[in-house]
Amino acid sequence: MNSTNSPSPQKEAARPAAKGFGLPSWDQLGLPLLLTLLALLCWLWPGSHENLIWSRQALAQDQWWRMWTGHLLHSNTHHLLLNLAGLAAIFALHQPHYRTLPMLTLSVLLMGLISLGIWWGVPGIERYVGLSALLHGLFTWGALQDIRRGWRSGWLLLLGVIAKVGWEQFSGGSESTSALIDARIAVESHLLGVVSALFIFLLLRLYHWAR
């Protein structure tokens, strides 16, 4: 083959990686399926809610597991279905980035950081439930991975989620959604989800740079 017709290694390296969408593997489905199963189990076992809900008073008594379990509870069926639909949409959007162990580790870190952010930064929240803050973190992480791989859509998604949480801080969120889920939308937690994902991403980039 004529060498003039072959792309150089430099040009090959500069090309964005191909998007690996298609039939998902079990490894890719691991986190969405696990979160869905846990959320459904919590919903079907309402007697567990008082022992699992994110509660400022209970956390002050060293019931630390609530920092994670509170994210799996929901205020009503509409709240649960909205969050599970959001989880499915985010997975469909960022399927190529999903592997069970890394994404599970990321989710545990995000839930912990969000909970700490609510504890320190939003003293008005006494009780908190829902996956939405985690979903904002996962969405942001997916957008950052798009950017890292050279996919221009990542910038649009990142700017979109930043604009959304920024608008929510001034508007307080959608009143119709709040009525649907029978609870105040904790818009502060959405912001914390985005900030937590950015923080973890930057820490990892600094770590790789330092190496």
Foldseek 3Di string as FASTA:
>chain_A
DDPVPDDDPVVVVPDFDDDPDDDADCQLCQPLVVLLVLLVVCVVCVVCCVLQWLFLVVVVVVSPNNLPSQASYALDPLQSVVQNVLSVVLCNVQSSVGGNPVVVVVLVQLSNQLSVCCNPPVVVDGTGHHNLLLSLLSQLLSLVVCVVSPNPVSVVSNVVLVVVLVVCVVVQDDPVVCVVRVHRDPSVSNVSSNVSNVVVVVVVVVVVVVD
